[in-house]
Amino acid sequence: DFMHAVEQGDKSAALKLINSSNMLFYFSERFPNQPLRRQRNVAIVLNTLLRISARNSNVPAIIIHRISEKYAYEIENTNQLAELQLLKDCMIEEYCDLVLENSLRKYSTMTQKVIEHLLSFYDKQMNKDELAELLSTHPSHLSRKFKEETKMTITAYQQMLRIKKAKHLL
């Protein structure tokens, strides 16, 4: 139920389930005298479940990797139990937002692969012929299908990604 809520981007349901008395996972016996280590382990498991849920929602792997790495670092550098609990809630909220904003479910497999390629190589020169060859289709069919589904040309989509990255860096 928890993972399904995340896959749907339903923050309130996911938070309600994770904070219910029916805990998803319990590590008290594993580190009885190390509550911080125990909670870090729970947070790491949670990060993994959130990654899987996002991927099940067809969020591009590169985007999932970025958020997962960020939280893995934060989990290991958090030194207070209360901060870890807040971090776990933030993780759930951010992954749910990620699903809502970046799920590629509504696109065909071909368009999904083009978007994932562009996300990975947004800063490289793109060759439509090579991209079409990778996807075993004709370049004009690829362009037509992509524009039909995204309402943007492949080049415009790549430029949008570059602008988003520049904004983020600023």
C-alpha atoms as a PDB file:
ATOM      1  CA  ASP A   1       0.000   0.000   0.000  1.00  0.00           C
ATOM      2  CA  PHE A   2       2.828   2.370   0.864  1.00  0.00           C
ATOM      3  CA  MET A   3       4.685   1.806  -2.394  1.00  0.00           C
ATOM      4  CA  HIS A   4       1.474   2.088  -4.394  1.00  0.00           C
ATOM      5  CA  ALA A   5       0.753   5.463  -2.744  1.00  0.00           C
ATOM      6  CA  VAL A   6       4.223   6.693  -3.754  1.00  0.00           C
ATOM      7  CA  GLU A   7       3.771   5.317  -7.274  1.00  0.00           C
ATOM      8  CA  GLN A   8       0.623   7.443  -7.528  1.00  0.00           C
ATOM      9  CA  GLY A   9       2.386  10.490  -6.042  1.00  0.00           C
ATOM     10  CA  ASP A  10      -0.038  10.485  -3.093  1.00  0.00           C
ATOM     11  CA  LYS A  11       1.987  12.182  -0.337  1.00  0.00           C
ATOM     12  CA  SER A  12      -0.715  12.193   2.316  1.00  0.00           C
ATOM     13  CA  ALA A  13      -1.461   8.462   1.975  1.00  0.00           C
ATOM     14  CA  ALA A  14       2.237   7.562   1.909  1.00  0.00           C
ATOM     15  CA  LEU A  15       2.992   9.639   5.017  1.00  0.00           C
ATOM     16  CA  LYS A  16      -0.039   8.244   6.820  1.00  0.00           C
ATOM     17  CA  LEU A  17       1.035   4.669   6.075  1.00  0.00           C
ATOM     18  CA  ILE A  18       4.686   5.149   7.019  1.00  0.00           C
ATOM     19  CA  ASN A  19       3.798   6.872  10.292  1.00  0.00           C
ATOM     20  CA  SER A  20       1.070   4.400  11.306  1.00  0.00           C
ATOM     21  CA  SER A  21       1.541   2.024  14.211  1.00  0.00           C
ATOM     22  CA  ASN A  22       1.780  -0.839  11.720  1.00  0.00           C
ATOM     23  CA  MET A  23       5.461  -0.290  10.894  1.00  0.00           C
ATOM     24  CA  LEU A  24       6.853  -1.379   7.546  1.00  0.00           C
ATOM     25  CA  PHE A  25      10.094  -2.654   8.966  1.00  0.00           C
ATOM     26  CA  TYR A  26      11.493  -3.062  12.433  1.00  0.00           C
ATOM     27  CA  PHE A  27      15.173  -3.232  13.338  1.00  0.00           C
ATOM     28  CA  SER A  28      15.154  -2.986  17.139  1.00  0.00           C
ATOM     29  CA  GLU A  29      16.864  -6.349  17.686  1.00  0.00           C
ATOM     30  CA  ARG A  30      19.588  -5.647  15.164  1.00  0.00           C
ATOM     31  CA  PHE A  31      21.185  -2.678  16.961  1.00  0.00           C
ATOM     32  CA  PRO A  32      19.683  -2.621  20.466  1.00  0.00           C
ATOM     33  CA  ASN A  33      22.117  -0.032  21.862  1.00  0.00           C
ATOM     34  CA  GLN A  34      22.463   2.060  18.708  1.00  0.00           C
ATOM     35  CA  PRO A  35      19.165   3.827  17.973  1.00  0.00           C
ATOM     36  CA  LEU A  36      20.784   6.249  15.517  1.00  0.00           C
ATOM     37  CA  ARG A  37      22.302   3.390  13.468  1.00  0.00           C
ATOM     38  CA  ARG A  38      18.959   1.576  13.549  1.00  0.00           C
ATOM     39  CA  GLN A  39      17.103   4.651  12.254  1.00  0.00           C
ATOM     40  CA  ARG A  40      19.718   5.225   9.577  1.00  0.00           C
ATOM     41  CA  ASN A  41      19.170   1.654   8.408  1.00  0.00           C
ATOM     42  CA  VAL A  42      15.419   2.246   8.293  1.00  0.00           C
ATOM     43  CA  ALA A  43      16.008   5.421   6.273  1.00  0.00           C
ATOM     44  CA  ILE A  44      18.278   3.570   3.828  1.00  0.00           C
ATOM     45  CA  VAL A  45      15.648   0.863   3.334  1.00  0.00           C
ATOM     46  CA  LEU A  46      13.024   3.566   2.858  1.00  0.00           C
ATOM     47  CA  ASN A  47      15.181   5.319   0.254  1.00  0.00           C
ATOM     48  CA  THR A  48      15.447   2.017  -1.627  1.00  0.00           C
ATOM     49  CA  LEU A  49      11.676   1.437  -1.515  1.00  0.00           C
ATOM     50  CA  LEU A  50      11.084   4.986  -2.726  1.00  0.00           C
ATOM     51  CA  ARG A  51      13.533   4.451  -5.609  1.00  0.00           C
ATOM     52  CA  ILE A  52      11.678   1.303  -6.649  1.00  0.00           C
ATOM     53  CA  SER A  53       8.303   3.052  -6.458  1.00  0.00           C
ATOM     54  CA  ALA A  54       9.534   5.946  -8.577  1.00  0.00           C
ATOM     55  CA  ARG A  55      10.964   3.563 -11.162  1.00  0.00           C
ATOM     56  CA  ASN A  56       7.688   1.614 -11.207  1.00  0.00           C
ATOM     57  CA  SER A  57       6.040   4.916 -12.141  1.00  0.00           C
ATOM     58  CA  ASN A  58       8.373   5.272 -15.129  1.00  0.00           C
ATOM     59  CA  VAL A  59      10.391   8.129 -13.701  1.00  0.00           C
ATOM     60  CA  PRO A  60      13.693   8.282 -15.625  1.00  0.00           C
ATOM     61  CA  ALA A  61      16.499   6.448 -13.840  1.00  0.00           C
ATOM     62  CA  ILE A  62      18.878   9.419 -13.989  1.00  0.00           C
ATOM     63  CA  ILE A  63      16.440  11.597 -12.025  1.00  0.00           C
ATOM     64  CA  ILE A  64      15.877   8.867  -9.448  1.00  0.00           C
ATOM     65  CA  HIS A  65      19.616   8.385  -9.062  1.00  0.00           C
ATOM     66  CA  ARG A  66      20.179  12.078  -8.327  1.00  0.00           C
ATOM     67  CA  ILE A  67      17.595  12.230  -5.546  1.00  0.00           C
ATOM     68  CA  SER A  68      18.620   8.868  -4.106  1.00  0.00           C
ATOM     69  CA  GLU A  69      22.270   9.888  -3.898  1.00  0.00           C
ATOM     70  CA  LYS A  70      21.317  13.161  -2.229  1.00  0.00           C
ATOM     71  CA  TYR A  71      19.336  11.355   0.454  1.00  0.00           C
ATOM     72  CA  ALA A  72      21.935   8.619   0.967  1.00  0.00           C
ATOM     73  CA  TYR A  73      24.454  11.343   1.772  1.00  0.00           C
ATOM     74  CA  GLU A  74      22.027  13.167   4.082  1.00  0.00           C
ATOM     75  CA  ILE A  75      21.110   9.956   5.926  1.00  0.00           C
ATOM     76  CA  GLU A  76      24.723   9.183   6.733  1.00  0.00           C
ATOM     77  CA  ASN A  77      25.436  12.750   7.849  1.00  0.00           C
ATOM     78  CA  THR A  78      22.412  13.187  10.104  1.00  0.00           C
ATOM     79  CA  ASN A  79      23.330  12.818  13.760  1.00  0.00           C
ATOM     80  CA  GLN A  80      20.019  13.234  15.569  1.00  0.00           C
ATOM     81  CA  LEU A  81      16.997  10.945  15.688  1.00  0.00           C
ATOM     82  CA  ALA A  82      14.522  13.804  15.304  1.00  0.00           C
ATOM     83  CA  GLU A  83      16.349  15.027  12.187  1.00  0.00           C
ATOM     84  CA  LEU A  84      16.216  11.527  10.705  1.00  0.00           C
ATOM     85  CA  GLN A  85      12.449  11.379  11.210  1.00  0.00           C
ATOM     86  CA  LEU A  86      12.038  14.733   9.458  1.00  0.00           C
ATOM     87  CA  LEU A  87      14.368  13.557   6.709  1.00  0.00           C
ATOM     88  CA  LYS A  88      12.272  10.422   6.144  1.00  0.00           C
ATOM     89  CA  ASP A  89       9.117  12.535   5.775  1.00  0.00           C
ATOM     90  CA  CYS A  90      10.934  14.889   3.365  1.00  0.00           C
ATOM     91  CA  MET A  91      12.108  11.905   1.320  1.00  0.00           C
ATOM     92  CA  ILE A  92       8.554  10.625   0.938  1.00  0.00           C
ATOM     93  CA  GLU A  93       7.249  14.047  -0.053  1.00  0.00           C
ATOM     94  CA  GLU A  94      10.039  14.689  -2.553  1.00  0.00           C
ATOM     95  CA  TYR A  95       9.760  11.262  -4.177  1.00  0.00           C
ATOM     96  CA  CYS A  96       5.967  11.706  -4.502  1.00  0.00           C
ATOM     97  CA  ASP A  97       6.529  15.122  -6.125  1.00  0.00           C
ATOM     98  CA  LEU A  98       9.144  13.518  -8.365  1.00  0.00           C
ATOM     99  CA  VAL A  99       6.604  10.944  -9.536  1.00  0.00           C
ATOM    100  CA  LEU A 100       3.949  13.585 -10.195  1.00  0.00           C
ATOM    101  CA  GLU A 101       6.333  15.828 -12.141  1.00  0.00           C
ATOM    102  CA  ASN A 102       8.478  13.287 -14.002  1.00  0.00           C
ATOM    103  CA  SER A 103       6.485  10.127 -14.623  1.00  0.00           C
ATOM    104  CA  LEU A 104       6.689   9.076 -18.247  1.00  0.00           C
ATOM    105  CA  ARG A 105       3.696   6.714 -18.014  1.00  0.00           C
ATOM    106  CA  LYS A 106       1.620   8.767 -20.413  1.00  0.00           C
ATOM    107  CA  TYR A 107       4.180   8.370 -23.216  1.00  0.00           C
ATOM    108  CA  SER A 108       4.879   5.501 -25.584  1.00  0.00           C
ATOM    109  CA  THR A 109       7.953   3.374 -24.970  1.00  0.00           C
ATOM    110  CA  MET A 110       9.768   5.087 -27.818  1.00  0.00           C
ATOM    111  CA  THR A 111       9.114   8.588 -26.446  1.00  0.00           C
ATOM    112  CA  GLN A 112      10.096   7.434 -22.956  1.00  0.00           C
ATOM    113  CA  LYS A 113      13.440   6.208 -24.289  1.00  0.00           C
ATOM    114  CA  VAL A 114      14.057   9.483 -26.141  1.00  0.00           C
ATOM    115  CA  ILE A 115      13.309  11.511 -23.004  1.00  0.00           C
ATOM    116  CA  GLU A 116      15.572   9.297 -20.888  1.00  0.00           C
ATOM    117  CA  HIS A 117      18.333   9.682 -23.486  1.00  0.00           C
ATOM    118  CA  LEU A 118      17.914  13.458 -23.524  1.00  0.00           C
ATOM    119  CA  LEU A 119      17.972  13.608 -19.718  1.00  0.00           C
ATOM    120  CA  SER A 120      21.220  11.656 -19.668  1.00  0.00           C
ATOM    121  CA  PHE A 121      22.883  13.531 -22.524  1.00  0.00           C
ATOM    122  CA  TYR A 122      21.173  16.952 -22.468  1.00  0.00           C
ATOM    123  CA  ASP A 123      24.555  18.672 -22.739  1.00  0.00           C
ATOM    124  CA  LYS A 124      25.725  16.729 -25.809  1.00  0.00           C
ATOM    125  CA  GLN A 125      25.034  17.428 -29.463  1.00  0.00           C
ATOM    126  CA  MET A 126      22.047  15.318 -30.463  1.00  0.00           C
ATOM    127  CA  ASN A 127      21.870  13.502 -33.777  1.00  0.00           C
ATOM    128  CA  LYS A 128      18.303  12.484 -34.662  1.00  0.00           C
ATOM    129  CA  ASP A 129      19.474   9.876 -37.155  1.00  0.00           C
ATOM    130  CA  GLU A 130      21.619   8.093 -34.563  1.00  0.00           C
ATOM    131  CA  LEU A 131      18.831   8.326 -31.993  1.00  0.00           C
ATOM    132  CA  ALA A 132      16.341   6.844 -34.468  1.00  0.00           C
ATOM    133  CA  GLU A 133      18.787   4.066 -35.281  1.00  0.00           C
ATOM    134  CA  LEU A 134      19.147   3.242 -31.574  1.00  0.00           C
ATOM    135  CA  LEU A 135      15.374   2.925 -31.393  1.00  0.00           C
ATOM    136  CA  SER A 136      15.059   1.002 -34.670  1.00  0.00           C
ATOM    137  CA  THR A 137      12.789   3.539 -36.313  1.00  0.00           C
ATOM    138  CA  HIS A 138      12.881   6.163 -39.025  1.00  0.00           C
ATOM    139  CA  PRO A 139      14.010   9.681 -37.980  1.00  0.00           C
ATOM    140  CA  SER A 140      10.867  11.355 -39.353  1.00  0.00           C
ATOM    141  CA  HIS A 141       8.609   8.863 -37.534  1.00  0.00           C
ATOM    142  CA  LEU A 142      10.564   9.458 -34.333  1.00  0.00           C
ATOM    143  CA  SER A 143      10.230  13.241 -34.662  1.00  0.00           C
ATOM    144  CA  ARG A 144       6.549  13.080 -35.543  1.00  0.00           C
ATOM    145  CA  LYS A 145       5.684  10.694 -32.686  1.00  0.00           C
ATOM    146  CA  PHE A 146       7.721  12.680 -30.149  1.00  0.00           C
ATOM    147  CA  LYS A 147       6.069  15.977 -31.091  1.00  0.00           C
ATOM    148  CA  GLU A 148       2.623  14.381 -31.094  1.00  0.00           C
ATOM    149  CA  GLU A 149       3.082  13.116 -27.532  1.00  0.00           C
ATOM    150  CA  THR A 150       5.084  15.930 -25.917  1.00  0.00           C
ATOM    151  CA  LYS A 151       3.873  18.902 -27.983  1.00  0.00           C
ATOM    152  CA  MET A 152       7.563  19.788 -28.486  1.00  0.00           C
ATOM    153  CA  THR A 153      10.227  18.924 -31.008  1.00  0.00           C
ATOM    154  CA  ILE A 154      13.139  16.818 -29.786  1.00  0.00           C
ATOM    155  CA  THR A 155      15.451  19.825 -30.121  1.00  0.00           C
ATOM    156  CA  ALA A 156      13.063  22.087 -28.199  1.00  0.00           C
ATOM    157  CA  TYR A 157      12.781  19.473 -25.453  1.00  0.00           C
ATOM    158  CA  GLN A 158      16.561  19.275 -25.184  1.00  0.00           C
ATOM    159  CA  GLN A 159      16.779  23.075 -25.004  1.00  0.00           C
ATOM    160  CA  MET A 160      14.154  23.097 -22.254  1.00  0.00           C
ATOM    161  CA  LEU A 161      16.243  20.600 -20.280  1.00  0.00           C
ATOM    162  CA  ARG A 162      19.341  22.751 -20.744  1.00  0.00           C
ATOM    163  CA  ILE A 163      17.492  25.841 -19.529  1.00  0.00           C
ATOM    164  CA  LYS A 164      16.186  23.959 -16.478  1.00  0.00           C
ATOM    165  CA  LYS A 165      19.710  22.837 -15.652  1.00  0.00           C
ATOM    166  CA  ALA A 166      21.061  26.375 -16.079  1.00  0.00           C
ATOM    167  CA  LYS A 167      18.336  27.742 -13.776  1.00  0.00           C
ATOM    168  CA  HIS A 168      19.223  25.120 -11.208  1.00  0.00           C
ATOM    169  CA  LEU A 169      22.902  26.016 -11.394  1.00  0.00           C
ATOM    170  CA  LEU A 170      22.116  29.711 -11.011  1.00  0.00           C
END
